[in-house]
């Protein structure tokens, strides 16, 4: 079967959450953090929030439900006027499902000998 890769070119990221778990760490999402601003393609220093580790899905969804606040925090309040609240509401179930699937993903054990 044919498999095609999808490449995205992001000119200017505006916000990023990294929902990491440290190998051998204290528990799930123990290294989670976010980057509310960027300088070009370079993220700002990591910002920690205990609420991420406690409930990563809830934390992300709270941020996405209030996009104007996230855009303001990221220094892009000028984009708020371009938001269509109806389209944002319409997209949220698919966005949530994608985040849930990503958080639930567990890779299969590799075949013996790998």
PDB file of N, CA and C in Angstrom:
ATOM      1  N   UNK A   1       0.824  -1.198   0.000  1.00  0.00           N
ATOM      2  CA  UNK A   1       0.000   0.000   0.000  1.00  0.00           C
ATOM      3  C   UNK A   1       0.861   1.252   0.000  1.00  0.00           C
ATOM      4  N   UNK A   2       0.347   2.255  -0.613  1.00  0.00           N
ATOM      5  CA  UNK A   2       1.068   3.528  -0.694  1.00  0.00           C
ATOM      6  C   UNK A   2       0.821   4.347   0.561  1.00  0.00           C
ATOM      7  N   UNK A   3       1.867   4.959   1.051  1.00  0.00           N
ATOM      8  CA  UNK A   3       1.751   5.841   2.208  1.00  0.00           C
ATOM      9  C   UNK A   3       2.362   7.176   1.834  1.00  0.00           C
ATOM     10  N   UNK A   4       1.600   8.213   2.010  1.00  0.00           N
ATOM     11  CA  UNK A   4       2.084   9.551   1.714  1.00  0.00           C
ATOM     12  C   UNK A   4       2.286  10.316   3.007  1.00  0.00           C
ATOM     13  N   UNK A   5       3.357  11.027   3.075  1.00  0.00           N
ATOM     14  CA  UNK A   5       3.603  11.892   4.226  1.00  0.00           C
ATOM     15  C   UNK A   5       2.956  13.247   3.960  1.00  0.00           C
ATOM     16  N   UNK A   6       2.529  13.866   5.017  1.00  0.00           N
ATOM     17  CA  UNK A   6       1.974  15.211   4.915  1.00  0.00           C
ATOM     18  C   UNK A   6       2.984  16.148   5.565  1.00  0.00           C
ATOM     19  N   UNK A   7       3.393  17.138   4.839  1.00  0.00           N
ATOM     20  CA  UNK A   7       4.345  18.112   5.363  1.00  0.00           C
ATOM     21  C   UNK A   7       3.637  19.446   5.560  1.00  0.00           C
ATOM     22  N   UNK A   8       3.852  20.020   6.705  1.00  0.00           N
ATOM     23  CA  UNK A   8       3.300  21.336   6.993  1.00  0.00           C
ATOM     24  C   UNK A   8       4.442  22.318   7.085  1.00  0.00           C
ATOM     25  N   UNK A   9       4.230  23.466   6.566  1.00  0.00           N
ATOM     26  CA  UNK A   9       5.206  24.539   6.714  1.00  0.00           C
ATOM     27  C   UNK A   9       4.564  25.577   7.619  1.00  0.00           C
ATOM     28  N   UNK A  10       5.147  25.755   8.773  1.00  0.00           N
ATOM     29  CA  UNK A  10       4.614  26.729   9.719  1.00  0.00           C
ATOM     30  C   UNK A  10       5.550  27.922   9.713  1.00  0.00           C
ATOM     31  N   UNK A  11       5.044  29.037   9.221  1.00  0.00           N
ATOM     32  CA  UNK A  11       5.875  30.224   9.146  1.00  0.00           C
ATOM     33  C   UNK A  11       6.159  30.808  10.510  1.00  0.00           C
ATOM     34  N   UNK A  12       5.128  30.891  11.338  1.00  0.00           N
ATOM     35  CA  UNK A  12       5.302  31.523  12.637  1.00  0.00           C
ATOM     36  C   UNK A  12       4.417  30.835  13.672  1.00  0.00           C
ATOM     37  N   UNK A  13       4.983  29.912  14.436  1.00  0.00           N
ATOM     38  CA  UNK A  13       4.171  29.298  15.496  1.00  0.00           C
ATOM     39  C   UNK A  13       3.818  30.352  16.535  1.00  0.00           C
ATOM     40  N   UNK A  14       2.675  30.155  17.194  1.00  0.00           N
ATOM     41  CA  UNK A  14       2.276  31.160  18.179  1.00  0.00           C
ATOM     42  C   UNK A  14       2.099  30.601  19.581  1.00  0.00           C
ATOM     43  N   UNK A  15       2.052  29.276  19.721  1.00  0.00           N
ATOM     44  CA  UNK A  15       1.820  28.674  21.038  1.00  0.00           C
ATOM     45  C   UNK A  15       2.048  27.186  20.901  1.00  0.00           C
ATOM     46  N   UNK A  16       2.610  26.547  21.947  1.00  0.00           N
ATOM     47  CA  UNK A  16       2.829  25.107  21.877  1.00  0.00           C
ATOM     48  C   UNK A  16       2.774  24.504  23.273  1.00  0.00           C
ATOM     49  N   UNK A  17       2.111  23.359  23.380  1.00  0.00           N
ATOM     50  CA  UNK A  17       2.099  22.585  24.615  1.00  0.00           C
ATOM     51  C   UNK A  17       2.849  21.290  24.353  1.00  0.00           C
ATOM     52  N   UNK A  18       3.729  20.931  25.271  1.00  0.00           N
ATOM     53  CA  UNK A  18       4.501  19.693  25.180  1.00  0.00           C
ATOM     54  C   UNK A  18       4.065  18.796  26.331  1.00  0.00           C
ATOM     55  N   UNK A  19       3.291  17.785  26.028  1.00  0.00           N
ATOM     56  CA  UNK A  19       2.734  16.902  27.049  1.00  0.00           C
ATOM     57  C   UNK A  19       3.614  15.667  27.182  1.00  0.00           C
ATOM     58  N   UNK A  20       4.784  15.877  27.764  1.00  0.00           N
ATOM     59  CA  UNK A  20       5.793  14.835  27.872  1.00  0.00           C
ATOM     60  C   UNK A  20       5.727  14.095  29.196  1.00  0.00           C
ATOM     61  N   UNK A  21       6.147  12.842  29.131  1.00  0.00           N
ATOM     62  CA  UNK A  21       6.404  12.045  30.319  1.00  0.00           C
ATOM     63  C   UNK A  21       7.888  11.711  30.290  1.00  0.00           C
ATOM     64  N   UNK A  22       8.567  11.963  31.386  1.00  0.00           N
ATOM     65  CA  UNK A  22       9.997  11.669  31.452  1.00  0.00           C
ATOM     66  C   UNK A  22      10.202  10.178  31.683  1.00  0.00           C
ATOM     67  N   UNK A  23      11.062   9.568  30.878  1.00  0.00           N
ATOM     68  CA  UNK A  23      11.365   8.151  31.048  1.00  0.00           C
ATOM     69  C   UNK A  23      11.964   7.975  32.440  1.00  0.00           C
ATOM     70  N   UNK A  24      11.357   7.093  33.233  1.00  0.00           N
ATOM     71  CA  UNK A  24      11.823   6.867  34.590  1.00  0.00           C
ATOM     72  C   UNK A  24      11.429   7.970  35.553  1.00  0.00           C
ATOM     73  N   UNK A  25      10.536   8.857  35.107  1.00  0.00           N
ATOM     74  CA  UNK A  25      10.118   9.977  35.946  1.00  0.00           C
ATOM     75  C   UNK A  25       9.110   9.555  37.000  1.00  0.00           C
ATOM     76  N   UNK A  26       8.533  10.558  37.630  1.00  0.00           N
ATOM     77  CA  UNK A  26       7.637  10.283  38.756  1.00  0.00           C
ATOM     78  C   UNK A  26       6.232   9.869  38.334  1.00  0.00           C
ATOM     79  N   UNK A  27       5.875  10.074  37.061  1.00  0.00           N
ATOM     80  CA  UNK A  27       4.551   9.657  36.618  1.00  0.00           C
ATOM     81  C   UNK A  27       4.173  10.288  35.290  1.00  0.00           C
ATOM     82  N   UNK A  28       2.970   9.968  34.817  1.00  0.00           N
ATOM     83  CA  UNK A  28       2.516  10.504  33.530  1.00  0.00           C
ATOM     84  C   UNK A  28       2.527  12.035  33.500  1.00  0.00           C
ATOM     85  N   UNK A  29       3.044  12.555  32.425  1.00  0.00           N
ATOM     86  CA  UNK A  29       3.066  13.995  32.138  1.00  0.00           C
ATOM     87  C   UNK A  29       3.897  14.783  33.142  1.00  0.00           C
ATOM     88  N   UNK A  30       4.857  14.124  33.775  1.00  0.00           N
ATOM     89  CA  UNK A  30       5.687  14.796  34.767  1.00  0.00           C
ATOM     90  C   UNK A  30       6.625  15.837  34.157  1.00  0.00           C
ATOM     91  N   UNK A  31       6.825  15.812  32.859  1.00  0.00           N
ATOM     92  CA  UNK A  31       7.670  16.800  32.197  1.00  0.00           C
ATOM     93  C   UNK A  31       6.856  17.739  31.307  1.00  0.00           C
ATOM     94  N   UNK A  32       5.532  17.721  31.468  1.00  0.00           N
ATOM     95  CA  UNK A  32       4.670  18.556  30.629  1.00  0.00           C
ATOM     96  C   UNK A  32       4.912  20.033  30.921  1.00  0.00           C
ATOM     97  N   UNK A  33       4.841  20.814  29.864  1.00  0.00           N
ATOM     98  CA  UNK A  33       5.035  22.261  29.966  1.00  0.00           C
ATOM     99  C   UNK A  33       4.475  22.890  28.694  1.00  0.00           C
ATOM    100  N   UNK A  34       4.552  24.206  28.633  1.00  0.00           N
ATOM    101  CA  UNK A  34       4.123  24.859  27.402  1.00  0.00           C
ATOM    102  C   UNK A  34       4.998  26.060  27.104  1.00  0.00           C
ATOM    103  N   UNK A  35       4.871  26.539  25.875  1.00  0.00           N
ATOM    104  CA  UNK A  35       5.617  27.693  25.388  1.00  0.00           C
ATOM    105  C   UNK A  35       4.582  28.691  24.860  1.00  0.00           C
ATOM    106  N   UNK A  36       4.255  29.726  25.634  1.00  0.00           N
ATOM    107  CA  UNK A  36       3.217  30.654  25.196  1.00  0.00           C
ATOM    108  C   UNK A  36       3.666  31.651  24.131  1.00  0.00           C
ATOM    109  N   UNK A  37       4.968  31.807  23.945  1.00  0.00           N
ATOM    110  CA  UNK A  37       5.444  32.758  22.935  1.00  0.00           C
ATOM    111  C   UNK A  37       6.612  32.162  22.165  1.00  0.00           C
ATOM    112  N   UNK A  38       6.845  32.731  21.006  1.00  0.00           N
ATOM    113  CA  UNK A  38       7.943  32.328  20.131  1.00  0.00           C
ATOM    114  C   UNK A  38       8.657  33.563  19.610  1.00  0.00           C
ATOM    115  N   UNK A  39       9.928  33.403  19.311  1.00  0.00           N
ATOM    116  CA  UNK A  39      10.704  34.404  18.588  1.00  0.00           C
ATOM    117  C   UNK A  39      11.039  33.741  17.267  1.00  0.00           C
ATOM    118  N   UNK A  40      10.244  34.024  16.253  1.00  0.00           N
ATOM    119  CA  UNK A  40      10.372  33.291  14.998  1.00  0.00           C
ATOM    120  C   UNK A  40       9.962  31.852  15.247  1.00  0.00           C
ATOM    121  N   UNK A  41      10.861  30.918  14.981  1.00  0.00           N
ATOM    122  CA  UNK A  41      10.578  29.498  15.211  1.00  0.00           C
ATOM    123  C   UNK A  41      11.085  29.016  16.570  1.00  0.00           C
ATOM    124  N   UNK A  42      11.714  29.905  17.327  1.00  0.00           N
ATOM    125  CA  UNK A  42      12.295  29.522  18.609  1.00  0.00           C
ATOM    126  C   UNK A  42      11.310  29.780  19.740  1.00  0.00           C
ATOM    127  N   UNK A  43      10.959  28.723  20.493  1.00  0.00           N
ATOM    128  CA  UNK A  43      10.015  28.925  21.596  1.00  0.00           C
ATOM    129  C   UNK A  43      10.676  29.637  22.771  1.00  0.00           C
ATOM    130  N   UNK A  44       9.848  30.293  23.567  1.00  0.00           N
ATOM    131  CA  UNK A  44      10.331  30.883  24.809  1.00  0.00           C
ATOM    132  C   UNK A  44      10.718  29.761  25.769  1.00  0.00           C
ATOM    133  N   UNK A  45      11.242  30.124  26.914  1.00  0.00           N
ATOM    134  CA  UNK A  45      11.570  29.130  27.927  1.00  0.00           C
ATOM    135  C   UNK A  45      10.311  28.350  28.305  1.00  0.00           C
ATOM    136  N   UNK A  46      10.500  27.159  28.821  1.00  0.00           N
ATOM    137  CA  UNK A  46       9.380  26.325  29.253  1.00  0.00           C
ATOM    138  C   UNK A  46       8.618  27.010  30.383  1.00  0.00           C
ATOM    139  N   UNK A  47       7.296  26.902  30.301  1.00  0.00           N
ATOM    140  CA  UNK A  47       6.433  27.391  31.370  1.00  0.00           C
ATOM    141  C   UNK A  47       5.726  26.179  31.958  1.00  0.00           C
ATOM    142  N   UNK A  48       5.852  26.016  33.265  1.00  0.00           N
ATOM    143  CA  UNK A  48       5.223  24.886  33.939  1.00  0.00           C
ATOM    144  C   UNK A  48       3.888  25.306  34.528  1.00  0.00           C
ATOM    145  N   UNK A  49       2.991  24.342  34.637  1.00  0.00           N
ATOM    146  CA  UNK A  49       1.700  24.554  35.280  1.00  0.00           C
ATOM    147  C   UNK A  49       1.288  23.201  35.845  1.00  0.00           C
ATOM    148  N   UNK A  50       1.178  23.109  37.168  1.00  0.00           N
ATOM    149  CA  UNK A  50       0.831  21.826  37.803  1.00  0.00           C
ATOM    150  C   UNK A  50      -0.467  21.243  37.259  1.00  0.00           C
ATOM    151  N   UNK A  51      -1.357  22.091  36.765  1.00  0.00           N
ATOM    152  CA  UNK A  51      -2.635  21.617  36.243  1.00  0.00           C
ATOM    153  C   UNK A  51      -2.455  20.759  34.988  1.00  0.00           C
ATOM    154  N   UNK A  52      -1.369  20.947  34.258  1.00  0.00           N
ATOM    155  CA  UNK A  52      -1.139  20.137  33.055  1.00  0.00           C
ATOM    156  C   UNK A  52      -0.950  18.674  33.450  1.00  0.00           C
ATOM    157  N   UNK A  53      -0.083  18.431  34.408  1.00  0.00           N
ATOM    158  CA  UNK A  53       0.205  17.061  34.827  1.00  0.00           C
ATOM    159  C   UNK A  53      -1.035  16.395  35.412  1.00  0.00           C
ATOM    160  N   UNK A  54      -1.820  17.144  36.162  1.00  0.00           N
ATOM    161  CA  UNK A  54      -3.008  16.587  36.815  1.00  0.00           C
ATOM    162  C   UNK A  54      -4.093  16.208  35.807  1.00  0.00           C
ATOM    163  N   UNK A  55      -4.255  17.016  34.755  1.00  0.00           N
ATOM    164  CA  UNK A  55      -5.325  16.779  33.779  1.00  0.00           C
ATOM    165  C   UNK A  55      -4.933  17.400  32.442  1.00  0.00           C
ATOM    166  N   UNK A  56      -4.048  16.735  31.678  1.00  0.00           N
ATOM    167  CA  UNK A  56      -3.573  17.343  30.439  1.00  0.00           C
ATOM    168  C   UNK A  56      -4.685  17.664  29.444  1.00  0.00           C
ATOM    169  N   UNK A  57      -5.641  16.775  29.292  1.00  0.00           N
ATOM    170  CA  UNK A  57      -6.735  17.038  28.353  1.00  0.00           C
ATOM    171  C   UNK A  57      -7.545  18.241  28.805  1.00  0.00           C
ATOM    172  N   UNK A  58      -7.932  18.261  30.047  1.00  0.00           N
ATOM    173  CA  UNK A  58      -8.702  19.396  30.564  1.00  0.00           C
ATOM    174  C   UNK A  58      -7.947  20.698  30.440  1.00  0.00           C
ATOM    175  N   UNK A  59      -6.641  20.663  30.721  1.00  0.00           N
ATOM    176  CA  UNK A  59      -5.828  21.874  30.638  1.00  0.00           C
ATOM    177  C   UNK A  59      -5.790  22.408  29.211  1.00  0.00           C
ATOM    178  N   UNK A  60      -5.521  21.523  28.252  1.00  0.00           N
ATOM    179  CA  UNK A  60      -5.455  21.953  26.853  1.00  0.00           C
ATOM    180  C   UNK A  60      -6.818  22.475  26.396  1.00  0.00           C
ATOM    181  N   UNK A  61      -7.884  21.740  26.722  1.00  0.00           N
ATOM    182  CA  UNK A  61      -9.212  22.170  26.280  1.00  0.00           C
ATOM    183  C   UNK A  61      -9.591  23.517  26.898  1.00  0.00           C
ATOM    184  N   UNK A  62      -9.243  23.738  28.161  1.00  0.00           N
ATOM    185  CA  UNK A  62      -9.506  25.053  28.771  1.00  0.00           C
ATOM    186  C   UNK A  62      -8.795  26.157  28.003  1.00  0.00           C
ATOM    187  N   UNK A  63      -7.584  25.889  27.562  1.00  0.00           N
ATOM    188  CA  UNK A  63      -6.835  26.882  26.782  1.00  0.00           C
ATOM    189  C   UNK A  63      -7.491  27.113  25.425  1.00  0.00           C
ATOM    190  N   UNK A  64      -7.908  26.043  24.766  1.00  0.00           N
ATOM    191  CA  UNK A  64      -8.469  26.173  23.426  1.00  0.00           C
ATOM    192  C   UNK A  64      -9.871  26.770  23.429  1.00  0.00           C
ATOM    193  N   UNK A  65     -10.630  26.506  24.479  1.00  0.00           N
ATOM    194  CA  UNK A  65     -11.981  27.071  24.561  1.00  0.00           C
ATOM    195  C   UNK A  65     -11.917  28.591  24.675  1.00  0.00           C
ATOM    196  N   UNK A  66     -10.853  29.095  25.281  1.00  0.00           N
ATOM    197  CA  UNK A  66     -10.684  30.543  25.409  1.00  0.00           C
ATOM    198  C   UNK A  66      -9.526  30.992  24.519  1.00  0.00           C
ATOM    199  N   UNK A  67      -9.715  30.853  23.205  1.00  0.00           N
ATOM    200  CA  UNK A  67      -8.673  31.236  22.262  1.00  0.00           C
ATOM    201  C   UNK A  67      -8.272  32.706  22.374  1.00  0.00           C
ATOM    202  N   UNK A  68      -9.208  33.628  22.621  1.00  0.00           N
ATOM    203  CA  UNK A  68      -8.764  35.018  22.776  1.00  0.00           C
ATOM    204  C   UNK A  68      -7.736  35.184  23.894  1.00  0.00           C
ATOM    205  N   UNK A  69      -7.912  34.491  25.012  1.00  0.00           N
ATOM    206  CA  UNK A  69      -6.933  34.581  26.105  1.00  0.00           C
ATOM    207  C   UNK A  69      -5.602  33.970  25.679  1.00  0.00           C
ATOM    208  N   UNK A  70      -5.644  32.831  24.986  1.00  0.00           N
ATOM    209  CA  UNK A  70      -4.403  32.190  24.528  1.00  0.00           C
ATOM    210  C   UNK A  70      -3.683  33.079  23.520  1.00  0.00           C
ATOM    211  N   UNK A  71      -4.434  33.709  22.618  1.00  0.00           N
ATOM    212  CA  UNK A  71      -3.819  34.605  21.643  1.00  0.00           C
ATOM    213  C   UNK A  71      -3.235  35.840  22.319  1.00  0.00           C
ATOM    214  N   UNK A  72      -3.912  36.342  23.329  1.00  0.00           N
ATOM    215  CA  UNK A  72      -3.399  37.497  24.067  1.00  0.00           C
ATOM    216  C   UNK A  72      -2.102  37.122  24.781  1.00  0.00           C
ATOM    217  N   UNK A  73      -2.098  35.961  25.465  1.00  0.00           N
ATOM    218  CA  UNK A  73      -0.898  35.507  26.167  1.00  0.00           C
ATOM    219  C   UNK A  73       0.270  35.327  25.206  1.00  0.00           C
ATOM    220  N   UNK A  74      -0.019  34.883  23.992  1.00  0.00           N
ATOM    221  CA  UNK A  74       1.036  34.616  23.020  1.00  0.00           C
ATOM    222  C   UNK A  74       1.529  35.875  22.306  1.00  0.00           C
ATOM    223  N   UNK A  75       0.889  37.013  22.598  1.00  0.00           N
ATOM    224  CA  UNK A  75       1.297  38.250  21.938  1.00  0.00           C
ATOM    225  C   UNK A  75       0.646  38.446  20.585  1.00  0.00           C
ATOM    226  N   UNK A  76      -0.433  37.710  20.317  1.00  0.00           N
ATOM    227  CA  UNK A  76      -1.104  37.796  19.016  1.00  0.00           C
ATOM    228  C   UNK A  76      -2.573  38.184  19.162  1.00  0.00           C
ATOM    229  N   UNK A  77      -2.843  39.121  20.056  1.00  0.00           N
ATOM    230  CA  UNK A  77      -4.222  39.582  20.250  1.00  0.00           C
ATOM    231  C   UNK A  77      -4.807  40.153  18.964  1.00  0.00           C
ATOM    232  N   UNK A  78      -3.947  40.579  18.049  1.00  0.00           N
ATOM    233  CA  UNK A  78      -4.419  41.115  16.769  1.00  0.00           C
ATOM    234  C   UNK A  78      -5.158  40.076  15.934  1.00  0.00           C
ATOM    235  N   UNK A  79      -5.004  38.802  16.249  1.00  0.00           N
ATOM    236  CA  UNK A  79      -5.682  37.739  15.497  1.00  0.00           C
ATOM    237  C   UNK A  79      -7.090  37.437  16.013  1.00  0.00           C
ATOM    238  N   UNK A  80      -7.434  37.964  17.171  1.00  0.00           N
ATOM    239  CA  UNK A  80      -8.727  37.652  17.785  1.00  0.00           C
ATOM    240  C   UNK A  80      -9.886  38.034  16.874  1.00  0.00           C
ATOM    241  N   UNK A  81      -9.809  39.162  16.240  1.00  0.00           N
ATOM    242  CA  UNK A  81     -10.887  39.619  15.361  1.00  0.00           C
ATOM    243  C   UNK A  81     -11.138  38.697  14.182  1.00  0.00           C
ATOM    244  N   UNK A  82     -10.152  37.903  13.793  1.00  0.00           N
ATOM    245  CA  UNK A  82     -10.306  36.979  12.657  1.00  0.00           C
ATOM    246  C   UNK A  82     -10.957  35.663  13.067  1.00  0.00           C
ATOM    247  N   UNK A  83     -11.135  35.444  14.374  1.00  0.00           N
ATOM    248  CA  UNK A  83     -11.770  34.202  14.833  1.00  0.00           C
ATOM    249  C   UNK A  83     -13.254  34.200  14.508  1.00  0.00           C
ATOM    250  N   UNK A  84     -13.741  33.083  14.054  1.00  0.00           N
ATOM    251  CA  UNK A  84     -15.169  32.884  13.860  1.00  0.00           C
ATOM    252  C   UNK A  84     -15.628  31.952  14.978  1.00  0.00           C
ATOM    253  N   UNK A  85     -16.296  32.492  16.013  1.00  0.00           N
ATOM    254  CA  UNK A  85     -16.679  31.653  17.157  1.00  0.00           C
ATOM    255  C   UNK A  85     -17.486  30.418  16.763  1.00  0.00           C
ATOM    256  N   UNK A  86     -18.325  30.524  15.764  1.00  0.00           N
ATOM    257  CA  UNK A  86     -19.111  29.379  15.316  1.00  0.00           C
ATOM    258  C   UNK A  86     -18.236  28.281  14.741  1.00  0.00           C
ATOM    259  N   UNK A  87     -17.259  28.654  13.937  1.00  0.00           N
ATOM    260  CA  UNK A  87     -16.343  27.660  13.369  1.00  0.00           C
ATOM    261  C   UNK A  87     -15.458  27.044  14.453  1.00  0.00           C
ATOM    262  N   UNK A  88     -15.065  27.860  15.421  1.00  0.00           N
ATOM    263  CA  UNK A  88     -14.257  27.334  16.523  1.00  0.00           C
ATOM    264  C   UNK A  88     -15.064  26.292  17.293  1.00  0.00           C
ATOM    265  N   UNK A  89     -16.318  26.620  17.634  1.00  0.00           N
ATOM    266  CA  UNK A  89     -17.181  25.653  18.352  1.00  0.00           C
ATOM    267  C   UNK A  89     -17.382  24.385  17.528  1.00  0.00           C
ATOM    268  N   UNK A  90     -17.583  24.544  16.225  1.00  0.00           N
ATOM    269  CA  UNK A  90     -17.801  23.401  15.341  1.00  0.00           C
ATOM    270  C   UNK A  90     -16.565  22.502  15.290  1.00  0.00           C
ATOM    271  N   UNK A  91     -15.390  23.075  15.345  1.00  0.00           N
ATOM    272  CA  UNK A  91     -14.150  22.302  15.244  1.00  0.00           C
ATOM    273  C   UNK A  91     -13.763  21.618  16.556  1.00  0.00           C
ATOM    274  N   UNK A  92     -14.236  22.106  17.685  1.00  0.00           N
ATOM    275  CA  UNK A  92     -13.781  21.602  18.984  1.00  0.00           C
ATOM    276  C   UNK A  92     -13.989  20.092  19.210  1.00  0.00           C
ATOM    277  N   UNK A  93     -15.104  19.489  18.807  1.00  0.00           N
ATOM    278  CA  UNK A  93     -15.223  18.043  19.018  1.00  0.00           C
ATOM    279  C   UNK A  93     -14.139  17.241  18.296  1.00  0.00           C
ATOM    280  N   UNK A  94     -13.804  17.633  17.074  1.00  0.00           N
ATOM    281  CA  UNK A  94     -12.753  16.925  16.332  1.00  0.00           C
ATOM    282  C   UNK A  94     -11.388  17.190  16.956  1.00  0.00           C
ATOM    283  N   UNK A  95     -11.159  18.401  17.400  1.00  0.00           N
ATOM    284  CA  UNK A  95      -9.885  18.727  18.052  1.00  0.00           C
ATOM    285  C   UNK A  95      -9.753  17.924  19.334  1.00  0.00           C
ATOM    286  N   UNK A  96     -10.818  17.895  20.124  1.00  0.00           N
ATOM    287  CA  UNK A  96     -10.789  17.133  21.384  1.00  0.00           C
ATOM    288  C   UNK A  96     -10.539  15.645  21.115  1.00  0.00           C
ATOM    289  N   UNK A  97     -11.231  15.090  20.121  1.00  0.00           N
ATOM    290  CA  UNK A  97     -11.059  13.667  19.798  1.00  0.00           C
ATOM    291  C   UNK A  97      -9.619  13.379  19.382  1.00  0.00           C
ATOM    292  N   UNK A  98      -9.019  14.282  18.641  1.00  0.00           N
ATOM    293  CA  UNK A  98      -7.633  14.103  18.217  1.00  0.00           C
ATOM    294  C   UNK A  98      -6.681  14.138  19.414  1.00  0.00           C
ATOM    295  N   UNK A  99      -6.912  15.070  20.328  1.00  0.00           N
ATOM    296  CA  UNK A  99      -6.063  15.159  21.518  1.00  0.00           C
ATOM    297  C   UNK A  99      -6.257  13.919  22.384  1.00  0.00           C
ATOM    298  N   UNK A 100      -7.498  13.487  22.564  1.00  0.00           N
ATOM    299  CA  UNK A 100      -7.758  12.276  23.357  1.00  0.00           C
ATOM    300  C   UNK A 100      -7.052  11.065  22.759  1.00  0.00           C
ATOM    301  N   UNK A 101      -7.136  10.913  21.446  1.00  0.00           N
ATOM    302  CA  UNK A 101      -6.488   9.773  20.791  1.00  0.00           C
ATOM    303  C   UNK A 101      -4.977   9.846  20.952  1.00  0.00           C
ATOM    304  N   UNK A 102      -4.424  11.029  20.861  1.00  0.00           N
ATOM    305  CA  UNK A 102      -2.982  11.197  21.022  1.00  0.00           C
ATOM    306  C   UNK A 102      -2.558  10.855  22.446  1.00  0.00           C
ATOM    307  N   UNK A 103      -3.305  11.331  23.434  1.00  0.00           N
ATOM    308  CA  UNK A 103      -2.963  11.055  24.830  1.00  0.00           C
ATOM    309  C   UNK A 103      -3.131   9.581  25.180  1.00  0.00           C
ATOM    310  N   UNK A 104      -4.057   8.896  24.511  1.00  0.00           N
ATOM    311  CA  UNK A 104      -4.315   7.477  24.798  1.00  0.00           C
ATOM    312  C   UNK A 104      -3.371   6.537  24.060  1.00  0.00           C
ATOM    313  N   UNK A 105      -2.646   7.050  23.083  1.00  0.00           N
ATOM    314  CA  UNK A 105      -1.795   6.210  22.245  1.00  0.00           C
ATOM    315  C   UNK A 105      -0.705   5.522  23.062  1.00  0.00           C
ATOM    316  N   UNK A 106      -0.592   4.244  22.852  1.00  0.00           N
ATOM    317  CA  UNK A 106       0.491   3.453  23.443  1.00  0.00           C
ATOM    318  C   UNK A 106       1.055   2.602  22.327  1.00  0.00           C
ATOM    319  N   UNK A 107       2.315   2.789  22.004  1.00  0.00           N
ATOM    320  CA  UNK A 107       2.888   1.998  20.905  1.00  0.00           C
ATOM    321  C   UNK A 107       2.885   0.512  21.238  1.00  0.00           C
ATOM    322  N   UNK A 108       2.709  -0.281  20.220  1.00  0.00           N
ATOM    323  CA  UNK A 108       2.738  -1.740  20.403  1.00  0.00           C
ATOM    324  C   UNK A 108       4.156  -2.154  20.769  1.00  0.00           C
ATOM    325  N   UNK A 109       4.265  -3.254  21.471  1.00  0.00           N
ATOM    326  CA  UNK A 109       5.595  -3.778  21.781  1.00  0.00           C
ATOM    327  C   UNK A 109       6.296  -4.123  20.477  1.00  0.00           C
ATOM    328  N   UNK A 110       7.585  -3.799  20.371  1.00  0.00           N
ATOM    329  CA  UNK A 110       8.301  -4.143  19.138  1.00  0.00           C
ATOM    330  C   UNK A 110       8.423  -5.651  19.005  1.00  0.00           C
ATOM    331  N   UNK A 111       8.503  -6.135  17.783  1.00  0.00           N
ATOM    332  CA  UNK A 111       8.688  -7.587  17.581  1.00  0.00           C
ATOM    333  C   UNK A 111       9.951  -8.068  18.278  1.00  0.00           C
ATOM    334  N   UNK A 112       9.951  -9.313  18.701  1.00  0.00           N
ATOM    335  CA  UNK A 112      11.129  -9.894  19.361  1.00  0.00           C
ATOM    336  C   UNK A 112      12.349  -9.757  18.453  1.00  0.00           C
ATOM    337  N   UNK A 113      13.462  -9.398  19.036  1.00  0.00           N
ATOM    338  CA  UNK A 113      14.698  -9.285  18.271  1.00  0.00           C
ATOM    339  C   UNK A 113      14.970  -7.889  17.772  1.00  0.00           C
ATOM    340  N   UNK A 114      14.032  -6.967  17.948  1.00  0.00           N
ATOM    341  CA  UNK A 114      14.271  -5.580  17.497  1.00  0.00           C
ATOM    342  C   UNK A 114      14.910  -4.766  18.582  1.00  0.00           C
TER     343      UNK A 114
END
